[in-house]
Amino acid sequence: MKIISFEDIKNMKLEPSLCYEWVSDMIADKGKTQLPPKTHMTLPGNIFCNVMPSMIEASMGIIGGVKVVTRYPERKPSLDSKILLFDGDSGEFLALMDGNWITAMRTGAVAAHSVMHLAKAGFKTLGLIGLGNVTRSTMIVLASLCSDRKLTVKLLRYKDQAESFMERFKDFDNLDFVIVDTVRECIQGSEVVISGATYFENDIAEDEWFDEGVLVVPVHTRGFTNCDLFFDKVFADDTGHVDHFGNFSKFKYYAEVSDVVNGRAEGRTNDKERILAYNIGVSIHDINYAALIYQLMSEDKEVFGSLADAEMKEPSEKFWI
């Protein structure tokens, strides 16, 4: 079993357009996957552990995996994840992989997918709340997809993160940044609002701050439950991950994004609809990324041969106790 590190994956320098292509394919093929709801465990102090299994059909055959992601607020970074990948046909365990690059890039690509499919056509103004890795990955993918237009991006000030964010994207000619000091300034006038903040204790915005036609993408689902009650449409990547939400039965209209892209449900139908997209973060994307990365690495014999093999020997006899 190979051990694949964060640096191994990062050094592959996978293009944002490829990351978007991978999530687009998996969203369209969601019906071919097995995706149980994640197991969510909590500890005091806003600590959590999510265990996320799934199986997919890949070019390598049936591939299964489990991602474990933890959040410890005092840890830097607070989020960490690992992925265990196995061959669904043979049961062979293929790799134990760092999940941090995969998690950040697939999450950003999925958020970008929601924007490209559910925002108003020709959107030009975005408001960003929470400027960590996931919001950066979302912006990297969106900037590459919207290279034909100039985007005005409002950044909600928090410590020095807005300035750091602008520095990261200083070479992107199609992005103009504005730093704002309040949530209201960030939301009002924005055609797309993306929140990458991992925790809000309560909702953060008043109903009247959301313009007609706005798309809101709360990546970690926090802070926007008031929108559940008056937005025209709500979409999610998987019903089993949201049907326990307190307002689920009160959504005016609900569908999975997979059904939208496959023509089984309507998406945005006009420029006045307020739309909420809950990208819960489902492990089929992690396992798909992991499988494709594993396959690409295996084709590079020099790189693949340098990866460590884990010393994990299974029992060789049926009765071993």
C-alpha atoms as a PDB file:
ATOM      1  CA  MET A   1       0.000   0.000   0.000  1.00  0.00           C
ATOM      2  CA  LYS A   2       1.436   3.333  -1.067  1.00  0.00           C
ATOM      3  CA  ILE A   3       1.761   6.332   1.233  1.00  0.00           C
ATOM      4  CA  ILE A   4       1.046   9.531  -0.709  1.00  0.00           C
ATOM      5  CA  SER A   5       1.800  12.813   1.053  1.00  0.00           C
ATOM      6  CA  PHE A   6       0.515  16.348   0.732  1.00  0.00           C
ATOM      7  CA  GLU A   7       3.721  17.392  -1.034  1.00  0.00           C
ATOM      8  CA  ASP A   8       3.517  14.448  -3.451  1.00  0.00           C
ATOM      9  CA  ILE A   9       0.092  15.657  -4.597  1.00  0.00           C
ATOM     10  CA  LYS A  10       0.845  19.377  -4.539  1.00  0.00           C
ATOM     11  CA  ASN A  11       3.967  18.871  -6.663  1.00  0.00           C
ATOM     12  CA  MET A  12       1.856  17.405  -9.466  1.00  0.00           C
ATOM     13  CA  LYS A  13       0.665  20.977 -10.199  1.00  0.00           C
ATOM     14  CA  LEU A  14      -2.753  19.884 -11.440  1.00  0.00           C
ATOM     15  CA  GLU A  15      -4.509  22.629 -13.404  1.00  0.00           C
ATOM     16  CA  PRO A  16      -7.666  24.314 -12.008  1.00  0.00           C
ATOM     17  CA  SER A  17      -9.493  23.425 -15.220  1.00  0.00           C
ATOM     18  CA  LEU A  18      -8.735  19.741 -14.602  1.00  0.00           C
ATOM     19  CA  CYS A  19      -9.985  20.001 -11.022  1.00  0.00           C
ATOM     20  CA  TYR A  20     -13.216  21.484 -12.368  1.00  0.00           C
ATOM     21  CA  GLU A  21     -13.515  18.767 -15.005  1.00  0.00           C
ATOM     22  CA  TRP A  22     -13.145  16.049 -12.360  1.00  0.00           C
ATOM     23  CA  VAL A  23     -15.938  17.393 -10.156  1.00  0.00           C
ATOM     24  CA  SER A  24     -18.170  18.081 -13.162  1.00  0.00           C
ATOM     25  CA  ASP A  25     -17.850  14.467 -14.283  1.00  0.00           C
ATOM     26  CA  MET A  26     -18.529  13.117 -10.800  1.00  0.00           C
ATOM     27  CA  ILE A  27     -21.590  15.346 -10.273  1.00  0.00           C
ATOM     28  CA  ALA A  28     -23.017  14.103 -13.574  1.00  0.00           C
ATOM     29  CA  ASP A  29     -22.251  10.484 -12.649  1.00  0.00           C
ATOM     30  CA  LYS A  30     -23.468  10.662  -9.042  1.00  0.00           C
ATOM     31  CA  GLY A  31     -26.197   8.110  -9.786  1.00  0.00           C
ATOM     32  CA  LYS A  32     -23.515   5.460 -10.366  1.00  0.00           C
ATOM     33  CA  THR A  33     -21.999   5.866  -6.902  1.00  0.00           C
ATOM     34  CA  GLN A  34     -22.664   4.529  -3.425  1.00  0.00           C
ATOM     35  CA  LEU A  35     -22.740   7.460  -1.012  1.00  0.00           C
ATOM     36  CA  PRO A  36     -23.884   6.829   2.571  1.00  0.00           C
ATOM     37  CA  PRO A  37     -24.359   9.914   4.745  1.00  0.00           C
ATOM     38  CA  LYS A  38     -21.220  10.915   6.590  1.00  0.00           C
ATOM     39  CA  THR A  39     -20.792  10.087  10.277  1.00  0.00           C
ATOM     40  CA  HIS A  40     -20.380  13.294  12.265  1.00  0.00           C
ATOM     41  CA  MET A  41     -18.916  13.247  15.778  1.00  0.00           C
ATOM     42  CA  THR A  42     -18.306  16.248  18.004  1.00  0.00           C
ATOM     43  CA  LEU A  43     -16.313  17.127  21.096  1.00  0.00           C
ATOM     44  CA  PRO A  44     -16.499  20.270  23.257  1.00  0.00           C
ATOM     45  CA  GLY A  45     -14.801  23.354  21.865  1.00  0.00           C
ATOM     46  CA  ASN A  46     -16.114  23.136  18.283  1.00  0.00           C
ATOM     47  CA  ILE A  47     -14.027  20.024  17.627  1.00  0.00           C
ATOM     48  CA  PHE A  48     -15.417  17.551  15.103  1.00  0.00           C
ATOM     49  CA  CYS A  49     -14.576  14.360  13.243  1.00  0.00           C
ATOM     50  CA  ASN A  50     -16.327  13.353  10.016  1.00  0.00           C
ATOM     51  CA  VAL A  51     -16.015   9.835   8.584  1.00  0.00           C
ATOM     52  CA  MET A  52     -17.008   9.773   4.910  1.00  0.00           C
ATOM     53  CA  PRO A  53     -17.167   6.494   2.923  1.00  0.00           C
ATOM     54  CA  SER A  54     -18.158   5.998  -0.725  1.00  0.00           C
ATOM     55  CA  MET A  55     -17.660   3.830  -3.801  1.00  0.00           C
ATOM     56  CA  ILE A  56     -17.423   5.036  -7.384  1.00  0.00           C
ATOM     57  CA  GLU A  57     -17.001   3.710 -10.912  1.00  0.00           C
ATOM     58  CA  ALA A  58     -13.602   4.871 -12.155  1.00  0.00           C
ATOM     59  CA  SER A  59     -11.464   4.137 -15.199  1.00  0.00           C
ATOM     60  CA  MET A  60      -9.542   1.768 -12.913  1.00  0.00           C
ATOM     61  CA  GLY A  61     -12.744  -0.136 -12.091  1.00  0.00           C
ATOM     62  CA  ILE A  62     -14.763   0.039  -8.885  1.00  0.00           C
ATOM     63  CA  ILE A  63     -12.899   2.154  -6.353  1.00  0.00           C
ATOM     64  CA  GLY A  64     -13.844   2.605  -2.727  1.00  0.00           C
ATOM     65  CA  GLY A  65     -12.497   4.789  -0.012  1.00  0.00           C
ATOM     66  CA  VAL A  66     -12.980   6.472   3.313  1.00  0.00           C
ATOM     67  CA  LYS A  67     -12.039  10.014   4.174  1.00  0.00           C
ATOM     68  CA  VAL A  68     -11.609  11.114   7.777  1.00  0.00           C
ATOM     69  CA  VAL A  69     -11.557  14.857   8.400  1.00  0.00           C
ATOM     70  CA  THR A  70     -11.032  16.498  11.784  1.00  0.00           C
ATOM     71  CA  ARG A  71     -11.255  20.065  13.024  1.00  0.00           C
ATOM     72  CA  TYR A  72      -9.329  21.215  16.090  1.00  0.00           C
ATOM     73  CA  PRO A  73      -9.585  25.013  16.397  1.00  0.00           C
ATOM     74  CA  GLU A  74      -6.247  25.390  18.189  1.00  0.00           C
ATOM     75  CA  ARG A  75      -4.396  23.397  15.520  1.00  0.00           C
ATOM     76  CA  LYS A  76      -2.880  25.305  12.607  1.00  0.00           C
ATOM     77  CA  PRO A  77      -4.408  24.656  10.194  1.00  0.00           C
ATOM     78  CA  SER A  78      -7.485  23.610  12.133  1.00  0.00           C
ATOM     79  CA  LEU A  79      -8.692  21.140   9.485  1.00  0.00           C
ATOM     80  CA  ASP A  80      -6.868  17.933   8.583  1.00  0.00           C
ATOM     81  CA  SER A  81      -7.905  14.901   6.533  1.00  0.00           C
ATOM     82  CA  LYS A  82      -6.667  11.511   5.360  1.00  0.00           C
ATOM     83  CA  ILE A  83      -8.033   9.179   2.645  1.00  0.00           C
ATOM     84  CA  LEU A  84      -7.845   5.387   2.544  1.00  0.00           C
ATOM     85  CA  LEU A  85      -8.239   4.102  -1.032  1.00  0.00           C
ATOM     86  CA  PHE A  86      -9.031   0.522  -2.038  1.00  0.00           C
ATOM     87  CA  ASP A  87      -9.834  -1.554  -5.125  1.00  0.00           C
ATOM     88  CA  GLY A  88     -13.529  -2.411  -4.997  1.00  0.00           C
ATOM     89  CA  ASP A  89     -13.117  -5.419  -7.270  1.00  0.00           C
ATOM     90  CA  SER A  90     -10.293  -7.156  -5.407  1.00  0.00           C
ATOM     91  CA  GLY A  91     -10.442  -5.581  -1.956  1.00  0.00           C
ATOM     92  CA  GLU A  92      -6.773  -4.599  -2.198  1.00  0.00           C
ATOM     93  CA  PHE A  93      -5.879  -1.477  -0.241  1.00  0.00           C
ATOM     94  CA  LEU A  94      -4.070   0.816  -2.660  1.00  0.00           C
ATOM     95  CA  ALA A  95      -3.004   3.904  -0.776  1.00  0.00           C
ATOM     96  CA  LEU A  96      -3.193   5.986   2.350  1.00  0.00           C
ATOM     97  CA  MET A  97      -3.250   9.551   1.087  1.00  0.00           C
ATOM     98  CA  ASP A  98      -3.112  12.986   2.623  1.00  0.00           C
ATOM     99  CA  GLY A  99      -6.499  14.561   2.000  1.00  0.00           C
ATOM    100  CA  ASN A 100      -5.791  18.236   2.562  1.00  0.00           C
ATOM    101  CA  TRP A 101      -4.948  19.296  -1.011  1.00  0.00           C
ATOM    102  CA  ILE A 102      -7.702  17.058  -2.363  1.00  0.00           C
ATOM    103  CA  THR A 103     -10.276  18.419   0.098  1.00  0.00           C
ATOM    104  CA  ALA A 104      -9.434  22.050  -0.590  1.00  0.00           C
ATOM    105  CA  MET A 105      -9.337  21.757  -4.372  1.00  0.00           C
ATOM    106  CA  ARG A 106     -12.383  19.533  -4.822  1.00  0.00           C
ATOM    107  CA  THR A 107     -14.370  21.777  -2.450  1.00  0.00           C
ATOM    108  CA  GLY A 108     -13.351  24.887  -4.347  1.00  0.00           C
ATOM    109  CA  ALA A 109     -14.104  23.249  -7.681  1.00  0.00           C
ATOM    110  CA  VAL A 110     -17.557  22.123  -6.494  1.00  0.00           C
ATOM    111  CA  ALA A 111     -18.327  25.640  -5.266  1.00  0.00           C
ATOM    112  CA  ALA A 112     -17.185  27.005  -8.632  1.00  0.00           C
ATOM    113  CA  HIS A 113     -19.421  24.446 -10.349  1.00  0.00           C
ATOM    114  CA  SER A 114     -22.429  25.750  -8.378  1.00  0.00           C
ATOM    115  CA  VAL A 115     -21.549  29.311  -9.366  1.00  0.00           C
ATOM    116  CA  MET A 116     -21.191  28.457 -13.048  1.00  0.00           C
ATOM    117  CA  HIS A 117     -24.491  26.554 -13.132  1.00  0.00           C
ATOM    118  CA  LEU A 118     -26.694  28.535 -10.719  1.00  0.00           C
ATOM    119  CA  ALA A 119     -25.535  32.164 -10.769  1.00  0.00           C
ATOM    120  CA  LYS A 120     -26.983  34.776 -13.107  1.00  0.00           C
ATOM    121  CA  ALA A 121     -25.524  34.582 -16.584  1.00  0.00           C
ATOM    122  CA  GLY A 122     -22.634  37.008 -16.930  1.00  0.00           C
ATOM    123  CA  PHE A 123     -22.244  37.619 -13.168  1.00  0.00           C
ATOM    124  CA  LYS A 124     -19.447  40.066 -12.381  1.00  0.00           C
ATOM    125  CA  THR A 125     -19.616  40.873  -8.664  1.00  0.00           C
ATOM    126  CA  LEU A 126     -18.754  38.463  -5.864  1.00  0.00           C
ATOM    127  CA  GLY A 127     -18.656  38.823  -2.085  1.00  0.00           C
ATOM    128  CA  LEU A 128     -16.277  36.518  -0.214  1.00  0.00           C
ATOM    129  CA  ILE A 129     -16.536  35.745   3.499  1.00  0.00           C
ATOM    130  CA  GLY A 130     -13.859  33.627   5.170  1.00  0.00           C
ATOM    131  CA  LEU A 131     -10.689  33.839   3.122  1.00  0.00           C
ATOM    132  CA  GLY A 132      -8.927  30.564   3.870  1.00  0.00           C
ATOM    133  CA  ASN A 133      -7.764  27.760   1.605  1.00  0.00           C
ATOM    134  CA  VAL A 134     -11.204  26.711   0.370  1.00  0.00           C
ATOM    135  CA  THR A 135     -12.134  30.238  -0.681  1.00  0.00           C
ATOM    136  CA  ARG A 136      -8.754  30.579  -2.360  1.00  0.00           C
ATOM    137  CA  SER A 137      -9.257  27.335  -4.282  1.00  0.00           C
ATOM    138  CA  THR A 138     -12.749  28.462  -5.312  1.00  0.00           C
ATOM    139  CA  MET A 139     -11.346  31.732  -6.592  1.00  0.00           C
ATOM    140  CA  ILE A 140      -8.516  29.988  -8.454  1.00  0.00           C
ATOM    141  CA  VAL A 141     -10.998  27.789 -10.320  1.00  0.00           C
ATOM    142  CA  LEU A 142     -13.499  30.602 -10.958  1.00  0.00           C
ATOM    143  CA  ALA A 143     -10.801  32.952 -12.211  1.00  0.00           C
ATOM    144  CA  SER A 144      -9.673  30.339 -14.722  1.00  0.00           C
ATOM    145  CA  LEU A 145     -13.246  29.702 -15.873  1.00  0.00           C
ATOM    146  CA  CYS A 146     -14.069  33.415 -16.184  1.00  0.00           C
ATOM    147  CA  SER A 147     -10.931  34.555 -17.976  1.00  0.00           C
ATOM    148  CA  ASP A 148     -13.143  36.321 -20.532  1.00  0.00           C
ATOM    149  CA  ARG A 149     -14.538  38.864 -18.071  1.00  0.00           C
ATOM    150  CA  LYS A 150     -13.472  41.201 -15.287  1.00  0.00           C
ATOM    151  CA  LEU A 151     -14.733  40.192 -11.845  1.00  0.00           C
ATOM    152  CA  THR A 152     -15.140  42.585  -8.939  1.00  0.00           C
ATOM    153  CA  VAL A 153     -14.425  40.659  -5.742  1.00  0.00           C
ATOM    154  CA  LYS A 154     -15.384  42.090  -2.356  1.00  0.00           C
ATOM    155  CA  LEU A 155     -13.357  40.689   0.538  1.00  0.00           C
ATOM    156  CA  LEU A 156     -14.710  40.860   4.083  1.00  0.00           C
ATOM    157  CA  ARG A 157     -11.891  42.135   6.269  1.00  0.00           C
ATOM    158  CA  TYR A 158     -10.664  39.759   8.982  1.00  0.00           C
ATOM    159  CA  LYS A 159      -7.270  40.303  10.586  1.00  0.00           C
ATOM    160  CA  ASP A 160      -4.830  40.522   7.635  1.00  0.00           C
ATOM    161  CA  GLN A 161      -6.494  37.826   5.526  1.00  0.00           C
ATOM    162  CA  ALA A 162      -7.947  40.190   2.915  1.00  0.00           C
ATOM    163  CA  GLU A 163      -4.551  41.712   2.186  1.00  0.00           C
ATOM    164  CA  SER A 164      -2.985  38.254   2.033  1.00  0.00           C
ATOM    165  CA  PHE A 165      -5.740  37.112  -0.327  1.00  0.00           C
ATOM    166  CA  MET A 166      -5.119  40.039  -2.656  1.00  0.00           C
ATOM    167  CA  GLU A 167      -1.400  39.323  -2.667  1.00  0.00           C
ATOM    168  CA  ARG A 168      -2.061  35.700  -3.634  1.00  0.00           C
ATOM    169  CA  PHE A 169      -4.099  36.816  -6.665  1.00  0.00           C
ATOM    170  CA  LYS A 170      -2.072  39.861  -7.686  1.00  0.00           C
ATOM    171  CA  ASP A 171      -1.159  38.298 -11.040  1.00  0.00           C
ATOM    172  CA  PHE A 172      -4.776  37.607 -12.055  1.00  0.00           C
ATOM    173  CA  ASP A 173      -5.626  40.369 -14.520  1.00  0.00           C
ATOM    174  CA  ASN A 174      -9.360  39.626 -14.524  1.00  0.00           C
ATOM    175  CA  LEU A 175      -9.843  40.221 -10.778  1.00  0.00           C
ATOM    176  CA  ASP A 176     -10.447  43.590  -9.110  1.00  0.00           C
ATOM    177  CA  PHE A 177     -10.514  43.482  -5.295  1.00  0.00           C
ATOM    178  CA  VAL A 178     -12.340  45.693  -2.808  1.00  0.00           C
ATOM    179  CA  ILE A 179     -11.940  45.234   0.951  1.00  0.00           C
ATOM    180  CA  VAL A 180     -15.098  45.857   2.985  1.00  0.00           C
ATOM    181  CA  ASP A 181     -15.528  46.045   6.746  1.00  0.00           C
ATOM    182  CA  THR A 182     -19.048  44.693   7.295  1.00  0.00           C
ATOM    183  CA  VAL A 183     -21.036  41.642   6.272  1.00  0.00           C
ATOM    184  CA  ARG A 184     -23.717  43.938   4.896  1.00  0.00           C
ATOM    185  CA  GLU A 185     -21.276  45.652   2.532  1.00  0.00           C
ATOM    186  CA  CYS A 186     -20.024  42.272   1.387  1.00  0.00           C
ATOM    187  CA  ILE A 187     -23.478  40.881   0.619  1.00  0.00           C
ATOM    188  CA  GLN A 188     -25.434  43.852  -0.710  1.00  0.00           C
ATOM    189  CA  GLY A 189     -24.726  44.452  -4.374  1.00  0.00           C
ATOM    190  CA  SER A 190     -23.071  41.062  -4.836  1.00  0.00           C
ATOM    191  CA  GLU A 191     -24.476  38.715  -7.453  1.00  0.00           C
ATOM    192  CA  VAL A 192     -22.639  35.782  -5.879  1.00  0.00           C
ATOM    193  CA  VAL A 193     -21.837  35.384  -2.168  1.00  0.00           C
ATOM    194  CA  ILE A 194     -19.406  32.655  -1.139  1.00  0.00           C
ATOM    195  CA  SER A 195     -18.674  31.868   2.495  1.00  0.00           C
ATOM    196  CA  GLY A 196     -15.708  29.683   3.348  1.00  0.00           C
ATOM    197  CA  ALA A 197     -15.905  30.313   7.087  1.00  0.00           C
ATOM    198  CA  THR A 198     -15.840  27.031   9.008  1.00  0.00           C
ATOM    199  CA  TYR A 199     -17.927  28.232  11.959  1.00  0.00           C
ATOM    200  CA  PHE A 200     -20.652  30.749  12.755  1.00  0.00           C
ATOM    201  CA  GLU A 201     -22.662  30.376  15.940  1.00  0.00           C
ATOM    202  CA  ASN A 202     -25.672  32.175  14.448  1.00  0.00           C
ATOM    203  CA  ASP A 203     -26.894  33.567  11.136  1.00  0.00           C
ATOM    204  CA  ILE A 204     -24.810  36.528  10.034  1.00  0.00           C
ATOM    205  CA  ALA A 205     -27.038  38.543   7.664  1.00  0.00           C
ATOM    206  CA  GLU A 206     -30.463  40.172   7.544  1.00  0.00           C
ATOM    207  CA  ASP A 207     -32.960  39.053   4.905  1.00  0.00           C
ATOM    208  CA  GLU A 208     -33.070  42.440   3.207  1.00  0.00           C
ATOM    209  CA  TRP A 209     -29.340  42.424   2.510  1.00  0.00           C
ATOM    210  CA  PHE A 210     -29.735  39.812  -0.246  1.00  0.00           C
ATOM    211  CA  ASP A 211     -30.466  41.340  -3.659  1.00  0.00           C
ATOM    212  CA  GLU A 212     -32.755  39.770  -6.214  1.00  0.00           C
ATOM    213  CA  GLY A 213     -30.908  37.227  -8.322  1.00  0.00           C
ATOM    214  CA  VAL A 214     -28.205  36.516  -5.755  1.00  0.00           C
ATOM    215  CA  LEU A 215     -26.590  33.093  -5.436  1.00  0.00           C
ATOM    216  CA  VAL A 216     -25.320  32.212  -1.950  1.00  0.00           C
ATOM    217  CA  VAL A 217     -22.842  29.361  -1.529  1.00  0.00           C
ATOM    218  CA  PRO A 218     -22.156  28.707   2.187  1.00  0.00           C
ATOM    219  CA  VAL A 219     -19.433  26.097   1.756  1.00  0.00           C
ATOM    220  CA  HIS A 220     -19.566  24.888   5.355  1.00  0.00           C
ATOM    221  CA  THR A 221     -23.359  25.446   5.614  1.00  0.00           C
ATOM    222  CA  ARG A 222     -23.056  27.881   8.533  1.00  0.00           C
ATOM    223  CA  GLY A 223     -24.533  31.335   8.913  1.00  0.00           C
ATOM    224  CA  PHE A 224     -27.326  31.492   6.336  1.00  0.00           C
ATOM    225  CA  THR A 225     -30.255  29.406   7.623  1.00  0.00           C
ATOM    226  CA  ASN A 226     -32.583  32.422   7.385  1.00  0.00           C
ATOM    227  CA  CYS A 227     -32.154  32.159   3.610  1.00  0.00           C
ATOM    228  CA  ASP A 228     -33.743  28.687   3.776  1.00  0.00           C
ATOM    229  CA  LEU A 229     -37.092  30.301   4.443  1.00  0.00           C
ATOM    230  CA  PHE A 230     -37.360  32.960   1.750  1.00  0.00           C
ATOM    231  CA  PHE A 231     -34.954  32.083  -1.068  1.00  0.00           C
ATOM    232  CA  ASP A 232     -36.714  30.827  -4.188  1.00  0.00           C
ATOM    233  CA  LYS A 233     -34.642  27.678  -4.645  1.00  0.00           C
ATOM    234  CA  VAL A 234     -32.258  25.543  -2.611  1.00  0.00           C
ATOM    235  CA  PHE A 235     -29.851  23.020  -4.120  1.00  0.00           C
ATOM    236  CA  ALA A 236     -27.480  20.522  -2.538  1.00  0.00           C
ATOM    237  CA  ASP A 237     -25.014  17.906  -3.696  1.00  0.00           C
ATOM    238  CA  ASP A 238     -26.770  15.088  -1.825  1.00  0.00           C
ATOM    239  CA  THR A 239     -30.210  14.861  -0.218  1.00  0.00           C
ATOM    240  CA  GLY A 240     -29.101  12.373   2.419  1.00  0.00           C
ATOM    241  CA  HIS A 241     -26.685  14.947   3.774  1.00  0.00           C
ATOM    242  CA  VAL A 242     -29.258  17.748   4.127  1.00  0.00           C
ATOM    243  CA  ASP A 243     -32.665  16.163   4.775  1.00  0.00           C
ATOM    244  CA  HIS A 244     -32.056  16.440   8.519  1.00  0.00           C
ATOM    245  CA  PHE A 245     -31.626  20.227   8.311  1.00  0.00           C
ATOM    246  CA  GLY A 246     -34.171  21.989  10.490  1.00  0.00           C
ATOM    247  CA  ASN A 247     -35.667  23.955   7.597  1.00  0.00           C
ATOM    248  CA  PHE A 248     -35.514  21.209   4.959  1.00  0.00           C
ATOM    249  CA  SER A 249     -39.289  20.768   4.794  1.00  0.00           C
ATOM    250  CA  LYS A 250     -39.707  24.541   4.430  1.00  0.00           C
ATOM    251  CA  PHE A 251     -37.616  24.992   1.283  1.00  0.00           C
ATOM    252  CA  LYS A 252     -39.768  26.529  -1.463  1.00  0.00           C
ATOM    253  CA  TYR A 253     -38.029  24.384  -4.073  1.00  0.00           C
ATOM    254  CA  TYR A 254     -35.300  21.796  -3.621  1.00  0.00           C
ATOM    255  CA  ALA A 255     -33.240  19.595  -5.949  1.00  0.00           C
ATOM    256  CA  GLU A 256     -29.827  17.984  -6.181  1.00  0.00           C
ATOM    257  CA  VAL A 257     -27.319  19.668  -8.469  1.00  0.00           C
ATOM    258  CA  SER A 258     -26.779  16.300 -10.163  1.00  0.00           C
ATOM    259  CA  ASP A 259     -30.427  16.298 -11.221  1.00  0.00           C
ATOM    260  CA  VAL A 260     -30.050  19.804 -12.622  1.00  0.00           C
ATOM    261  CA  VAL A 261     -27.049  18.964 -14.807  1.00  0.00           C
ATOM    262  CA  ASN A 262     -28.760  15.769 -16.003  1.00  0.00           C
ATOM    263  CA  GLY A 263     -31.968  17.598 -16.920  1.00  0.00           C
ATOM    264  CA  ARG A 264     -34.148  15.944 -14.269  1.00  0.00           C
ATOM    265  CA  ALA A 265     -34.725  19.178 -12.329  1.00  0.00           C
ATOM    266  CA  GLU A 266     -34.764  22.853 -13.204  1.00  0.00           C
ATOM    267  CA  GLY A 267     -31.984  25.133 -12.121  1.00  0.00           C
ATOM    268  CA  ARG A 268     -32.086  28.917 -12.370  1.00  0.00           C
ATOM    269  CA  THR A 269     -34.890  30.043 -14.674  1.00  0.00           C
ATOM    270  CA  ASN A 270     -34.586  33.827 -14.394  1.00  0.00           C
ATOM    271  CA  ASP A 271     -32.329  36.587 -13.071  1.00  0.00           C
ATOM    272  CA  LYS A 272     -34.577  37.423 -10.117  1.00  0.00           C
ATOM    273  CA  GLU A 273     -34.463  34.114  -8.283  1.00  0.00           C
ATOM    274  CA  ARG A 274     -32.533  34.061  -5.029  1.00  0.00           C
ATOM    275  CA  ILE A 275     -30.738  30.721  -4.888  1.00  0.00           C
ATOM    276  CA  LEU A 276     -28.940  28.910  -2.073  1.00  0.00           C
ATOM    277  CA  ALA A 277     -26.449  26.123  -2.861  1.00  0.00           C
ATOM    278  CA  TYR A 278     -25.467  23.833  -0.010  1.00  0.00           C
ATOM    279  CA  ASN A 279     -22.275  22.092  -1.126  1.00  0.00           C
ATOM    280  CA  ILE A 280     -22.069  19.777   1.862  1.00  0.00           C
ATOM    281  CA  GLY A 281     -18.867  18.172   0.660  1.00  0.00           C
ATOM    282  CA  VAL A 282     -19.423  14.545  -0.317  1.00  0.00           C
ATOM    283  CA  SER A 283     -16.661  11.956  -0.408  1.00  0.00           C
ATOM    284  CA  ILE A 284     -17.319  10.770  -3.966  1.00  0.00           C
ATOM    285  CA  HIS A 285     -15.262  13.784  -5.053  1.00  0.00           C
ATOM    286  CA  ASP A 286     -12.431  12.955  -2.654  1.00  0.00           C
ATOM    287  CA  ILE A 287     -12.353   9.319  -3.737  1.00  0.00           C
ATOM    288  CA  ASN A 288     -12.531  10.289  -7.422  1.00  0.00           C
ATOM    289  CA  TYR A 289      -9.662  12.763  -7.023  1.00  0.00           C
ATOM    290  CA  ALA A 290      -7.670  10.185  -5.039  1.00  0.00           C
ATOM    291  CA  ALA A 291      -8.243   7.481  -7.662  1.00  0.00           C
ATOM    292  CA  LEU A 292      -7.283   9.760 -10.559  1.00  0.00           C
ATOM    293  CA  ILE A 293      -4.199  11.047  -8.726  1.00  0.00           C
ATOM    294  CA  TYR A 294      -3.199   7.477  -7.871  1.00  0.00           C
ATOM    295  CA  GLN A 295      -3.620   6.509 -11.528  1.00  0.00           C
ATOM    296  CA  LEU A 296      -1.597   9.480 -12.792  1.00  0.00           C
ATOM    297  CA  MET A 297       1.170   8.722 -10.303  1.00  0.00           C
ATOM    298  CA  SER A 298       1.227   5.043 -11.240  1.00  0.00           C
ATOM    299  CA  GLU A 299       1.853   6.046 -14.861  1.00  0.00           C
ATOM    300  CA  ASP A 300       4.982   7.920 -13.740  1.00  0.00           C
ATOM    301  CA  LYS A 301       7.095   4.956 -12.665  1.00  0.00           C
ATOM    302  CA  GLU A 302       9.897   7.106 -11.255  1.00  0.00           C
ATOM    303  CA  VAL A 303       7.584   9.045  -8.953  1.00  0.00           C
ATOM    304  CA  PHE A 304       5.394   6.062  -8.086  1.00  0.00           C
ATOM    305  CA  GLY A 305       8.380   3.882  -7.298  1.00  0.00           C
ATOM    306  CA  SER A 306       9.676   6.428  -4.798  1.00  0.00           C
ATOM    307  CA  LEU A 307       6.505   6.354  -2.713  1.00  0.00           C
ATOM    308  CA  ALA A 308       6.715   4.484   0.567  1.00  0.00           C
ATOM    309  CA  ASP A 309       5.020   1.124   0.945  1.00  0.00           C
ATOM    310  CA  ALA A 310       3.222   0.688   4.254  1.00  0.00           C
ATOM    311  CA  GLU A 311       4.174  -2.293   6.371  1.00  0.00           C
ATOM    312  CA  MET A 312       0.658  -3.565   6.995  1.00  0.00           C
ATOM    313  CA  LYS A 313       0.405  -7.354   6.849  1.00  0.00           C
ATOM    314  CA  GLU A 314      -3.019  -8.938   7.051  1.00  0.00           C
ATOM    315  CA  PRO A 315      -3.634 -12.223   8.894  1.00  0.00           C
ATOM    316  CA  SER A 316      -2.860 -15.182   6.623  1.00  0.00           C
ATOM    317  CA  GLU A 317      -5.077 -17.687   8.416  1.00  0.00           C
ATOM    318  CA  LYS A 318      -8.851 -17.741   8.836  1.00  0.00           C
ATOM    319  CA  PHE A 319      -8.608 -18.309  12.605  1.00  0.00           C
ATOM    320  CA  TRP A 320      -5.839 -16.213  14.049  1.00  0.00           C
ATOM    321  CA  ILE A 321      -6.812 -15.582  17.661  1.00  0.00           C
END
